[in-house]
Amino acid sequence: MNVTFNTGMVVLLLMAGVLICIECGRRIGLRRRKAGSDPSKSGTGATEAAVFGLLGLLVAFTFSGAASRFDARRLQIVEEANAIGTAYLRVDLLPEDVQPEIRELFRAYTDARIATYHAIPDLEKVNEENARAMRLQSELWKACVGACKLAPSPAVTSMVIPAVNELIDVSSRRTAAAQAHVPWIVMAALLGLAMGCSLLAGFDMAADKFRSWTHQLVFALTIGFVVFVIFDLEYPRLGLIRIEAFDRYMEDARRGMDGEVRPSEFIRKGGGLPGGK
């Protein structure tokens, strides 16, 4: 399923619906004028203000929620990379004879986690890689618990097990965040209100006998653009607004397991050093 294409189709249909509703509202207004009633003096200003205000409130609510979830998903990528890196470093505390096996499990697990999100939007591949990651996660936990039992000091357990536990927890939080979206009823209400406001706008336009295509097109484009941005923020791996740039933190953590240390793009471009050095 091409979600990007479907989102574009929804937005195009919404814009077409907005234009149709404006035209319907205008024709209703023109009929009222022919019947001797002046739409501009019908005393419906309070109703229109309330409906348009509710549309603005709903747009702000959905946009704010989508932006917050977008930021949370980016931060969770960094959190998971840090959790994996910390747990991997603490393998040094375990007995040397079990370290190679556990390090290999860490490498395989990190590869599976990276592949899970790179597979989007292929849901079959996503489920396959996620199942592999969960299986490796279980093996990694058992291996670390068994290795801690062989450790000479109880302090090793208090250092290694919490780190591995955090690795598991953050992966669960990230999976849950990827599935968290604005409720469909809220989006339906937003689209319905957009249509209703278009009808009212068209009704008001009947006060002028000349049709203003500029106003109609600007209104339709504005509504369509806002809805498109909300959808893009909700699905940051499928649209124009992308989250893949933050995947480099997971990739850097994986390269670190092979002894390859590469500074992040931010540092290499001078973003974190005075004078850009």
C-alpha atoms as a PDB file:
ATOM      1  CA  MET A   1       0.000   0.000   0.000  1.00  0.00           C
ATOM      2  CA  ASN A   2       1.462   3.362  -1.049  1.00  0.00           C
ATOM      3  CA  VAL A   3       0.435   5.595   1.834  1.00  0.00           C
ATOM      4  CA  THR A   4       2.069   8.667   0.279  1.00  0.00           C
ATOM      5  CA  PHE A   5      -0.069   8.271  -2.829  1.00  0.00           C
ATOM      6  CA  ASN A   6      -3.186   7.734  -0.744  1.00  0.00           C
ATOM      7  CA  THR A   7      -2.465  10.864   1.305  1.00  0.00           C
ATOM      8  CA  GLY A   8      -2.080  12.887  -1.886  1.00  0.00           C
ATOM      9  CA  MET A   9      -5.367  11.530  -3.168  1.00  0.00           C
ATOM     10  CA  VAL A  10      -7.133  12.412   0.089  1.00  0.00           C
ATOM     11  CA  VAL A  11      -5.803  15.964  -0.079  1.00  0.00           C
ATOM     12  CA  LEU A  12      -6.800  16.347  -3.744  1.00  0.00           C
ATOM     13  CA  LEU A  13     -10.279  15.013  -3.021  1.00  0.00           C
ATOM     14  CA  LEU A  14     -10.532  17.362  -0.046  1.00  0.00           C
ATOM     15  CA  MET A  15      -9.595  20.363  -2.184  1.00  0.00           C
ATOM     16  CA  ALA A  16     -12.104  19.329  -4.827  1.00  0.00           C
ATOM     17  CA  GLY A  17     -14.745  18.900  -2.117  1.00  0.00           C
ATOM     18  CA  VAL A  18     -13.941  22.341  -0.715  1.00  0.00           C
ATOM     19  CA  LEU A  19     -14.407  23.938  -4.145  1.00  0.00           C
ATOM     20  CA  ILE A  20     -17.667  22.052  -4.688  1.00  0.00           C
ATOM     21  CA  CYS A  21     -18.974  23.101  -1.260  1.00  0.00           C
ATOM     22  CA  ILE A  22     -18.053  26.728  -1.953  1.00  0.00           C
ATOM     23  CA  GLU A  23     -19.938  26.595  -5.233  1.00  0.00           C
ATOM     24  CA  CYS A  24     -22.946  24.927  -3.583  1.00  0.00           C
ATOM     25  CA  GLY A  25     -22.988  27.559  -0.846  1.00  0.00           C
ATOM     26  CA  ARG A  26     -22.739  30.345  -3.396  1.00  0.00           C
ATOM     27  CA  ARG A  27     -25.659  28.981  -5.413  1.00  0.00           C
ATOM     28  CA  ILE A  28     -27.752  28.672  -2.264  1.00  0.00           C
ATOM     29  CA  GLY A  29     -26.927  32.286  -1.477  1.00  0.00           C
ATOM     30  CA  LEU A  30     -27.831  33.390  -4.999  1.00  0.00           C
ATOM     31  CA  ARG A  31     -31.198  31.646  -4.726  1.00  0.00           C
ATOM     32  CA  ARG A  32     -31.817  33.480  -1.470  1.00  0.00           C
ATOM     33  CA  ARG A  33     -31.025  36.762  -3.205  1.00  0.00           C
ATOM     34  CA  LYS A  34     -33.451  35.971  -6.020  1.00  0.00           C
ATOM     35  CA  ALA A  35     -36.087  35.201  -3.415  1.00  0.00           C
ATOM     36  CA  GLY A  36     -35.607  38.683  -1.994  1.00  0.00           C
ATOM     37  CA  SER A  37     -33.308  37.835   0.928  1.00  0.00           C
ATOM     38  CA  ASP A  38     -29.851  39.379   1.273  1.00  0.00           C
ATOM     39  CA  PRO A  39     -27.340  36.759   2.540  1.00  0.00           C
ATOM     40  CA  SER A  40     -25.043  39.512   3.822  1.00  0.00           C
ATOM     41  CA  LYS A  41     -27.787  40.701   6.180  1.00  0.00           C
ATOM     42  CA  SER A  42     -29.102  37.353   7.360  1.00  0.00           C
ATOM     43  CA  GLY A  43     -27.623  37.709  10.860  1.00  0.00           C
ATOM     44  CA  THR A  44     -25.636  34.472  10.635  1.00  0.00           C
ATOM     45  CA  GLY A  45     -22.294  36.083  11.461  1.00  0.00           C
ATOM     46  CA  ALA A  46     -22.183  34.637  14.975  1.00  0.00           C
ATOM     47  CA  THR A  47     -22.805  31.122  13.684  1.00  0.00           C
ATOM     48  CA  GLU A  48     -20.131  31.435  11.011  1.00  0.00           C
ATOM     49  CA  ALA A  49     -17.620  32.826  13.498  1.00  0.00           C
ATOM     50  CA  ALA A  50     -18.268  29.901  15.842  1.00  0.00           C
ATOM     51  CA  VAL A  51     -17.865  27.293  13.084  1.00  0.00           C
ATOM     52  CA  PHE A  52     -14.715  28.872  11.648  1.00  0.00           C
ATOM     53  CA  GLY A  53     -13.308  29.253  15.157  1.00  0.00           C
ATOM     54  CA  LEU A  54     -13.942  25.576  15.828  1.00  0.00           C
ATOM     55  CA  LEU A  55     -12.161  24.695  12.568  1.00  0.00           C
ATOM     56  CA  GLY A  56      -9.155  26.756  13.611  1.00  0.00           C
ATOM     57  CA  LEU A  57      -9.135  25.111  17.039  1.00  0.00           C
ATOM     58  CA  LEU A  58      -9.281  21.624  15.540  1.00  0.00           C
ATOM     59  CA  VAL A  59      -6.507  22.409  13.057  1.00  0.00           C
ATOM     60  CA  ALA A  60      -4.320  23.715  15.891  1.00  0.00           C
ATOM     61  CA  PHE A  61      -5.080  20.640  18.015  1.00  0.00           C
ATOM     62  CA  THR A  62      -4.281  18.093  15.298  1.00  0.00           C
ATOM     63  CA  PHE A  63      -1.213  19.988  14.058  1.00  0.00           C
ATOM     64  CA  SER A  64       0.186  20.377  17.569  1.00  0.00           C
ATOM     65  CA  GLY A  65      -0.375  16.697  18.347  1.00  0.00           C
ATOM     66  CA  ALA A  66       1.251  15.564  15.091  1.00  0.00           C
ATOM     67  CA  ALA A  67       4.253  17.853  15.642  1.00  0.00           C
ATOM     68  CA  SER A  68       4.687  16.611  19.228  1.00  0.00           C
ATOM     69  CA  ARG A  69       4.630  12.971  18.119  1.00  0.00           C
ATOM     70  CA  PHE A  70       7.094  13.771  15.338  1.00  0.00           C
ATOM     71  CA  ASP A  71       9.564  15.286  17.829  1.00  0.00           C
ATOM     72  CA  ALA A  72       9.061  12.370  20.250  1.00  0.00           C
ATOM     73  CA  ARG A  73       9.858   9.830  17.522  1.00  0.00           C
ATOM     74  CA  ARG A  74      13.092  11.621  16.665  1.00  0.00           C
ATOM     75  CA  LEU A  75      14.190  11.731  20.303  1.00  0.00           C
ATOM     76  CA  GLN A  76      13.349   8.048  20.797  1.00  0.00           C
ATOM     77  CA  ILE A  77      15.737   7.103  17.987  1.00  0.00           C
ATOM     78  CA  VAL A  78      18.527   8.859  19.868  1.00  0.00           C
ATOM     79  CA  GLU A  79      17.427   7.250  23.141  1.00  0.00           C
ATOM     80  CA  GLU A  80      17.510   3.765  21.635  1.00  0.00           C
ATOM     81  CA  ALA A  81      20.924   4.362  20.075  1.00  0.00           C
ATOM     82  CA  ASN A  82      22.246   5.538  23.450  1.00  0.00           C
ATOM     83  CA  ALA A  83      20.678   2.575  25.263  1.00  0.00           C
ATOM     84  CA  ILE A  84      22.202   0.087  22.823  1.00  0.00           C
ATOM     85  CA  GLY A  85      25.602   1.782  23.002  1.00  0.00           C
ATOM     86  CA  THR A  86      25.597   1.858  26.803  1.00  0.00           C
ATOM     87  CA  ALA A  87      24.576  -1.795  27.122  1.00  0.00           C
ATOM     88  CA  TYR A  88      27.182  -2.829  24.564  1.00  0.00           C
ATOM     89  CA  LEU A  89      29.967  -1.036  26.439  1.00  0.00           C
ATOM     90  CA  ARG A  90      29.008  -2.763  29.694  1.00  0.00           C
ATOM     91  CA  VAL A  91      29.621  -6.138  28.110  1.00  0.00           C
ATOM     92  CA  ASP A  92      33.267  -5.415  29.027  1.00  0.00           C
ATOM     93  CA  LEU A  93      32.304  -6.130  32.646  1.00  0.00           C
ATOM     94  CA  LEU A  94      31.258  -9.714  31.869  1.00  0.00           C
ATOM     95  CA  PRO A  95      33.589 -12.727  31.859  1.00  0.00           C
ATOM     96  CA  GLU A  96      35.814 -12.635  28.789  1.00  0.00           C
ATOM     97  CA  ASP A  97      34.849 -16.078  27.525  1.00  0.00           C
ATOM     98  CA  VAL A  98      31.177 -15.089  27.035  1.00  0.00           C
ATOM     99  CA  GLN A  99      31.796 -11.617  25.612  1.00  0.00           C
ATOM    100  CA  PRO A 100      32.214 -12.593  21.905  1.00  0.00           C
ATOM    101  CA  GLU A 101      28.850 -14.374  21.771  1.00  0.00           C
ATOM    102  CA  ILE A 102      27.016 -11.506  23.479  1.00  0.00           C
ATOM    103  CA  ARG A 103      28.676  -8.882  21.270  1.00  0.00           C
ATOM    104  CA  GLU A 104      27.565 -10.816  18.197  1.00  0.00           C
ATOM    105  CA  LEU A 105      24.007 -10.843  19.525  1.00  0.00           C
ATOM    106  CA  PHE A 106      24.204  -7.075  20.010  1.00  0.00           C
ATOM    107  CA  ARG A 107      25.335  -6.613  16.420  1.00  0.00           C
ATOM    108  CA  ALA A 108      22.574  -8.809  15.038  1.00  0.00           C
ATOM    109  CA  TYR A 109      19.951  -7.139  17.232  1.00  0.00           C
ATOM    110  CA  THR A 110      21.004  -3.633  16.174  1.00  0.00           C
ATOM    111  CA  ASP A 111      20.954  -4.667  12.515  1.00  0.00           C
ATOM    112  CA  ALA A 112      17.428  -6.017  12.952  1.00  0.00           C
ATOM    113  CA  ARG A 113      16.230  -2.815  14.651  1.00  0.00           C
ATOM    114  CA  ILE A 114      17.662  -0.660  11.877  1.00  0.00           C
ATOM    115  CA  ALA A 115      16.199  -2.931   9.189  1.00  0.00           C
ATOM    116  CA  THR A 116      12.755  -2.812  10.836  1.00  0.00           C
ATOM    117  CA  TYR A 117      12.353   0.898  10.190  1.00  0.00           C
ATOM    118  CA  HIS A 118      14.166   0.933   6.863  1.00  0.00           C
ATOM    119  CA  ALA A 119      11.634  -1.613   5.588  1.00  0.00           C
ATOM    120  CA  ILE A 120       8.729   0.842   5.905  1.00  0.00           C
ATOM    121  CA  PRO A 121       6.285   0.958   4.060  1.00  0.00           C
ATOM    122  CA  ASP A 122       6.634  -2.777   3.277  1.00  0.00           C
ATOM    123  CA  LEU A 123       4.543  -4.027   6.220  1.00  0.00           C
ATOM    124  CA  GLU A 124       5.360  -7.676   5.581  1.00  0.00           C
ATOM    125  CA  LYS A 125       9.080  -6.928   5.723  1.00  0.00           C
ATOM    126  CA  VAL A 126       8.584  -4.708   8.782  1.00  0.00           C
ATOM    127  CA  ASN A 127       6.821  -7.501  10.681  1.00  0.00           C
ATOM    128  CA  GLU A 128       9.491  -9.991   9.638  1.00  0.00           C
ATOM    129  CA  GLU A 129      12.382  -7.791  10.831  1.00  0.00           C
ATOM    130  CA  ASN A 130      10.539  -6.846  14.019  1.00  0.00           C
ATOM    131  CA  ALA A 131       9.957 -10.521  14.838  1.00  0.00           C
ATOM    132  CA  ARG A 132      13.665 -11.181  14.281  1.00  0.00           C
ATOM    133  CA  ALA A 133      14.570  -8.290  16.573  1.00  0.00           C
ATOM    134  CA  MET A 134      12.252  -9.558  19.307  1.00  0.00           C
ATOM    135  CA  ARG A 135      13.756 -13.041  19.051  1.00  0.00           C
ATOM    136  CA  LEU A 136      17.284 -11.656  19.294  1.00  0.00           C
ATOM    137  CA  GLN A 137      16.212  -9.439  22.164  1.00  0.00           C
ATOM    138  CA  SER A 138      15.082 -12.484  24.122  1.00  0.00           C
ATOM    139  CA  GLU A 139      18.316 -14.325  23.343  1.00  0.00           C
ATOM    140  CA  LEU A 140      20.342 -11.285  24.354  1.00  0.00           C
ATOM    141  CA  TRP A 141      18.544 -11.013  27.678  1.00  0.00           C
ATOM    142  CA  LYS A 142      19.070 -14.690  28.491  1.00  0.00           C
ATOM    143  CA  ALA A 143      22.720 -14.513  27.503  1.00  0.00           C
ATOM    144  CA  CYS A 144      23.352 -11.452  29.681  1.00  0.00           C
ATOM    145  CA  VAL A 145      21.533 -12.943  32.666  1.00  0.00           C
ATOM    146  CA  GLY A 146      23.530 -16.165  32.327  1.00  0.00           C
ATOM    147  CA  ALA A 147      26.798 -14.245  31.994  1.00  0.00           C
ATOM    148  CA  CYS A 148      26.036 -12.148  35.080  1.00  0.00           C
ATOM    149  CA  LYS A 149      25.689 -15.330  37.116  1.00  0.00           C
ATOM    150  CA  LEU A 150      29.257 -16.164  36.164  1.00  0.00           C
ATOM    151  CA  ALA A 151      30.571 -12.713  37.005  1.00  0.00           C
ATOM    152  CA  PRO A 152      32.898 -12.501  40.035  1.00  0.00           C
ATOM    153  CA  SER A 153      31.162  -9.467  41.534  1.00  0.00           C
ATOM    154  CA  PRO A 154      27.446  -8.764  42.163  1.00  0.00           C
ATOM    155  CA  ALA A 155      28.118  -5.186  41.071  1.00  0.00           C
ATOM    156  CA  VAL A 156      28.398  -6.441  37.484  1.00  0.00           C
ATOM    157  CA  THR A 157      24.766  -7.531  37.557  1.00  0.00           C
ATOM    158  CA  SER A 158      23.640  -4.120  38.830  1.00  0.00           C
ATOM    159  CA  MET A 159      25.459  -2.487  35.906  1.00  0.00           C
ATOM    160  CA  VAL A 160      24.631  -4.812  33.022  1.00  0.00           C
ATOM    161  CA  ILE A 161      21.053  -5.922  33.658  1.00  0.00           C
ATOM    162  CA  PRO A 162      19.533  -2.401  34.034  1.00  0.00           C
ATOM    163  CA  ALA A 163      21.282  -1.341  30.817  1.00  0.00           C
ATOM    164  CA  VAL A 164      19.849  -4.288  28.883  1.00  0.00           C
ATOM    165  CA  ASN A 165      16.453  -3.709  30.474  1.00  0.00           C
ATOM    166  CA  GLU A 166      16.505  -0.074  29.312  1.00  0.00           C
ATOM    167  CA  LEU A 167      17.388  -1.271  25.813  1.00  0.00           C
ATOM    168  CA  ILE A 168      14.254  -3.436  25.826  1.00  0.00           C
ATOM    169  CA  ASP A 169      12.045  -0.721  27.310  1.00  0.00           C
ATOM    170  CA  VAL A 170      13.054   1.971  24.838  1.00  0.00           C
ATOM    171  CA  SER A 171      12.428  -0.367  21.896  1.00  0.00           C
ATOM    172  CA  SER A 172       8.902  -0.967  23.208  1.00  0.00           C
ATOM    173  CA  ARG A 173       8.314   2.762  23.650  1.00  0.00           C
ATOM    174  CA  ARG A 174       9.533   3.432  20.148  1.00  0.00           C
ATOM    175  CA  THR A 175       7.305   0.731  18.653  1.00  0.00           C
ATOM    176  CA  ALA A 176       4.295   2.118  20.516  1.00  0.00           C
ATOM    177  CA  ALA A 177       5.106   5.668  19.390  1.00  0.00           C
ATOM    178  CA  ALA A 178       5.283   4.548  15.753  1.00  0.00           C
ATOM    179  CA  GLN A 179       1.708   3.250  16.050  1.00  0.00           C
ATOM    180  CA  ALA A 180       0.338   6.315  17.863  1.00  0.00           C
ATOM    181  CA  HIS A 181      -1.595   8.661  15.577  1.00  0.00           C
ATOM    182  CA  VAL A 182      -4.393  11.165  15.812  1.00  0.00           C
ATOM    183  CA  PRO A 183      -7.740   9.298  16.224  1.00  0.00           C
ATOM    184  CA  TRP A 184      -9.569   8.830  12.951  1.00  0.00           C
ATOM    185  CA  ILE A 185     -12.704  10.457  14.362  1.00  0.00           C
ATOM    186  CA  VAL A 186     -10.726  13.669  14.926  1.00  0.00           C
ATOM    187  CA  MET A 187      -9.489  13.670  11.331  1.00  0.00           C
ATOM    188  CA  ALA A 188     -13.026  12.961  10.119  1.00  0.00           C
ATOM    189  CA  ALA A 189     -14.276  15.903  12.187  1.00  0.00           C
ATOM    190  CA  LEU A 190     -11.545  18.115  10.722  1.00  0.00           C
ATOM    191  CA  LEU A 191     -12.424  17.174   7.141  1.00  0.00           C
ATOM    192  CA  GLY A 192     -16.144  17.574   7.838  1.00  0.00           C
ATOM    193  CA  LEU A 193     -15.662  21.005   9.393  1.00  0.00           C
ATOM    194  CA  ALA A 194     -13.541  22.059   6.418  1.00  0.00           C
ATOM    195  CA  MET A 195     -16.435  21.161   4.123  1.00  0.00           C
ATOM    196  CA  GLY A 196     -18.941  22.964   6.333  1.00  0.00           C
ATOM    197  CA  CYS A 197     -16.828  26.109   6.464  1.00  0.00           C
ATOM    198  CA  SER A 198     -16.476  25.983   2.675  1.00  0.00           C
ATOM    199  CA  LEU A 199     -20.255  25.903   2.345  1.00  0.00           C
ATOM    200  CA  LEU A 200     -20.607  28.933   4.620  1.00  0.00           C
ATOM    201  CA  ALA A 201     -17.841  30.777   2.784  1.00  0.00           C
ATOM    202  CA  GLY A 202     -19.605  30.160  -0.527  1.00  0.00           C
ATOM    203  CA  PHE A 203     -22.876  31.390   0.966  1.00  0.00           C
ATOM    204  CA  ASP A 204     -21.212  34.680   1.913  1.00  0.00           C
ATOM    205  CA  MET A 205     -19.668  35.015  -1.554  1.00  0.00           C
ATOM    206  CA  ALA A 206     -23.190  35.216  -3.001  1.00  0.00           C
ATOM    207  CA  ALA A 207     -23.270  38.829  -1.827  1.00  0.00           C
ATOM    208  CA  ASP A 208     -21.076  39.626  -4.862  1.00  0.00           C
ATOM    209  CA  LYS A 209     -22.515  38.770  -8.270  1.00  0.00           C
ATOM    210  CA  PHE A 210     -19.011  38.142  -9.655  1.00  0.00           C
ATOM    211  CA  ARG A 211     -17.313  34.877  -8.691  1.00  0.00           C
ATOM    212  CA  SER A 212     -13.875  35.297  -7.076  1.00  0.00           C
ATOM    213  CA  TRP A 213     -11.813  32.338  -8.210  1.00  0.00           C
ATOM    214  CA  THR A 214      -8.802  33.721  -6.361  1.00  0.00           C
ATOM    215  CA  HIS A 215     -10.521  33.480  -2.978  1.00  0.00           C
ATOM    216  CA  GLN A 216     -11.925  30.039  -3.716  1.00  0.00           C
ATOM    217  CA  LEU A 217      -8.603  28.584  -4.859  1.00  0.00           C
ATOM    218  CA  VAL A 218      -6.619  30.155  -2.004  1.00  0.00           C
ATOM    219  CA  PHE A 219      -9.103  28.774   0.542  1.00  0.00           C
ATOM    220  CA  ALA A 220      -8.986  25.280  -1.000  1.00  0.00           C
ATOM    221  CA  LEU A 221      -5.182  25.283  -1.281  1.00  0.00           C
ATOM    222  CA  THR A 222      -4.796  26.469   2.306  1.00  0.00           C
ATOM    223  CA  ILE A 223      -7.046  23.746   3.712  1.00  0.00           C
ATOM    224  CA  GLY A 224      -5.400  21.091   1.539  1.00  0.00           C
ATOM    225  CA  PHE A 225      -1.875  22.177   2.446  1.00  0.00           C
ATOM    226  CA  VAL A 226      -2.555  22.165   6.195  1.00  0.00           C
ATOM    227  CA  VAL A 227      -4.116  18.683   6.077  1.00  0.00           C
ATOM    228  CA  PHE A 228      -1.216  17.408   3.946  1.00  0.00           C
ATOM    229  CA  VAL A 229       1.346  18.699   6.479  1.00  0.00           C
ATOM    230  CA  ILE A 230      -0.579  17.051   9.336  1.00  0.00           C
ATOM    231  CA  PHE A 231      -0.566  13.712   7.503  1.00  0.00           C
ATOM    232  CA  ASP A 232       3.147  14.085   6.735  1.00  0.00           C
ATOM    233  CA  LEU A 233       3.979  14.729  10.391  1.00  0.00           C
ATOM    234  CA  GLU A 234       1.918  11.714  11.437  1.00  0.00           C
ATOM    235  CA  TYR A 235       3.741   9.414   8.992  1.00  0.00           C
ATOM    236  CA  PRO A 236       7.307  10.804   8.877  1.00  0.00           C
ATOM    237  CA  ARG A 237       8.745   7.890   6.888  1.00  0.00           C
ATOM    238  CA  LEU A 238       6.234   8.076   4.048  1.00  0.00           C
ATOM    239  CA  GLY A 239       5.844  11.686   2.966  1.00  0.00           C
ATOM    240  CA  LEU A 240       7.920  14.775   2.292  1.00  0.00           C
ATOM    241  CA  ILE A 241       8.714  15.378   5.971  1.00  0.00           C
ATOM    242  CA  ARG A 242      11.255  12.655   6.760  1.00  0.00           C
ATOM    243  CA  ILE A 243      12.756  11.283   9.943  1.00  0.00           C
ATOM    244  CA  GLU A 244      15.493   9.142   8.367  1.00  0.00           C
ATOM    245  CA  ALA A 245      18.196  11.723   9.146  1.00  0.00           C
ATOM    246  CA  PHE A 246      18.050  10.644  12.799  1.00  0.00           C
ATOM    247  CA  ASP A 247      18.638   6.994  11.856  1.00  0.00           C
ATOM    248  CA  ARG A 248      22.329   7.863  11.624  1.00  0.00           C
ATOM    249  CA  TYR A 249      22.512   7.641  15.429  1.00  0.00           C
ATOM    250  CA  MET A 250      21.520   3.976  15.278  1.00  0.00           C
ATOM    251  CA  GLU A 251      23.928   3.427  12.382  1.00  0.00           C
ATOM    252  CA  ASP A 252      26.737   5.149  14.285  1.00  0.00           C
ATOM    253  CA  ALA A 253      26.060   2.882  17.283  1.00  0.00           C
ATOM    254  CA  ARG A 254      26.285  -0.146  14.996  1.00  0.00           C
ATOM    255  CA  ARG A 255      29.552   1.028  13.436  1.00  0.00           C
ATOM    256  CA  GLY A 256      30.951   1.584  16.915  1.00  0.00           C
ATOM    257  CA  MET A 257      30.485  -2.120  17.614  1.00  0.00           C
ATOM    258  CA  ASP A 258      32.904  -2.850  14.768  1.00  0.00           C
ATOM    259  CA  GLY A 259      35.423  -0.371  16.105  1.00  0.00           C
ATOM    260  CA  GLU A 260      34.588   2.222  13.466  1.00  0.00           C
ATOM    261  CA  VAL A 261      34.137   5.620  15.074  1.00  0.00           C
ATOM    262  CA  ARG A 262      32.724   8.304  12.841  1.00  0.00           C
ATOM    263  CA  PRO A 263      31.663  11.753  14.103  1.00  0.00           C
ATOM    264  CA  SER A 264      28.077  12.654  13.460  1.00  0.00           C
ATOM    265  CA  GLU A 265      27.118  14.931  10.579  1.00  0.00           C
ATOM    266  CA  PHE A 266      26.327  17.705  13.060  1.00  0.00           C
ATOM    267  CA  ILE A 267      29.849  17.705  14.512  1.00  0.00           C
ATOM    268  CA  ARG A 268      31.628  17.189  11.196  1.00  0.00           C
ATOM    269  CA  LYS A 269      29.865  20.234   9.784  1.00  0.00           C
ATOM    270  CA  GLY A 270      30.941  22.344  12.720  1.00  0.00           C
ATOM    271  CA  GLY A 271      27.531  22.577  14.362  1.00  0.00           C
ATOM    272  CA  GLY A 272      28.782  21.597  17.816  1.00  0.00           C
ATOM    273  CA  LEU A 273      32.150  23.317  17.911  1.00  0.00           C
ATOM    274  CA  PRO A 274      32.993  27.014  18.386  1.00  0.00           C
ATOM    275  CA  GLY A 275      33.910  28.708  15.140  1.00  0.00           C
ATOM    276  CA  GLY A 276      32.793  25.701  13.110  1.00  0.00           C
ATOM    277  CA  LYS A 277      36.067  23.825  13.734  1.00  0.00           C
END
